[in-house]
Protein backbone atom coordinates (compact mmCIF):
# COMPACT_ATOMS: atom_id res chain seq x y z
CA MET A 1 108.94 -16.90 124.41
CA ASN A 2 109.65 -19.30 127.27
CA THR A 3 113.38 -19.43 127.98
CA SER A 4 113.21 -21.52 131.15
CA LEU A 5 115.19 -24.71 131.01
CA PRO A 6 113.62 -28.11 131.68
CA ASP A 7 113.61 -29.80 135.06
CA ASP A 8 112.51 -33.10 133.51
CA PRO A 9 115.41 -35.55 134.06
CA ASN A 10 114.72 -37.11 130.64
CA GLU A 11 114.84 -33.82 128.74
CA LEU A 12 117.63 -33.52 126.20
CA LEU A 13 119.63 -30.29 126.32
CA THR A 14 121.89 -28.56 123.84
CA GLU A 15 125.38 -27.57 124.95
CA ARG A 16 124.25 -23.96 125.44
CA GLU A 17 121.21 -25.01 127.49
CA LEU A 18 123.37 -27.27 129.66
CA ALA A 19 125.92 -24.49 130.14
CA ALA A 20 123.14 -22.17 131.32
CA LYS A 21 121.79 -24.75 133.78
CA LEU A 22 125.28 -25.43 135.16
CA LYS A 23 126.13 -21.70 135.19
CA ALA A 24 129.20 -22.50 133.14
CA SER A 25 130.44 -21.28 129.79
CA HIS A 26 129.57 -23.05 126.57
CA ARG A 27 133.30 -23.51 126.03
CA SER A 28 133.62 -25.34 129.38
CA VAL A 29 130.80 -27.74 128.51
CA VAL A 30 132.44 -28.54 125.16
CA SER A 31 135.80 -29.04 126.88
CA TRP A 32 134.29 -31.33 129.54
CA ARG A 33 132.60 -33.39 126.82
CA ILE A 34 135.85 -33.77 124.86
CA GLN A 35 137.67 -34.77 128.07
CA GLY A 36 135.01 -37.41 128.78
CA ARG A 37 133.84 -35.63 131.94
CA LEU A 38 130.16 -35.41 130.87
CA PRO A 39 127.82 -38.08 129.50
CA TYR A 40 126.29 -37.14 126.16
CA LEU A 41 124.41 -38.47 123.17
CA ARG A 42 125.46 -37.92 119.58
CA THR A 43 123.32 -38.40 116.49
CA GLY A 44 125.28 -37.41 113.43
CA ARG A 45 126.56 -33.91 114.18
CA LEU A 46 124.00 -33.25 116.93
CA VAL A 47 125.19 -33.46 120.53
CA ARG A 48 122.65 -33.59 123.35
CA TYR A 49 122.84 -34.07 127.11
CA CYS A 50 120.24 -35.88 129.19
CA TRP A 51 119.80 -33.65 132.25
CA GLY A 52 119.17 -36.57 134.63
CA ASP A 53 122.28 -38.41 133.43
CA VAL A 54 124.42 -35.28 133.82
CA VAL A 55 123.17 -34.62 137.37
CA GLN A 56 123.69 -38.25 138.37
CA HIS A 57 127.19 -38.27 136.87
CA LEU A 58 128.18 -35.02 138.60
CA ARG A 59 126.92 -36.28 141.97
CA ARG A 60 128.89 -39.49 141.55
CA THR A 61 132.13 -37.87 140.44
CA ALA A 62 132.13 -34.57 142.35
CA PRO A 63 134.85 -34.25 144.98
CA LYS A 64 133.61 -34.56 148.54
CA HIS A 65 134.00 -31.38 150.56
CA GLY A 66 134.35 -31.06 154.30
CA GLY A 67 136.41 -32.80 156.90
CA ALA A 68 139.44 -31.65 158.86
CA ARG A 69 141.86 -29.11 157.45
């Protein structure tokens, strides 16, 4: 069984698959979705995340590190 997660930016991921790729808990992914912090697709009860959209969103909204202390 192949358990590797997709690198295709158009691949749709479940919440558990996204959590694994982000090295976060499933609970965190659900919380971020509810808070509006992650883009997602919903069809009925199914929730999916487009990997490319998530990466783009995180790059756009992530705090910038560096600079003077």
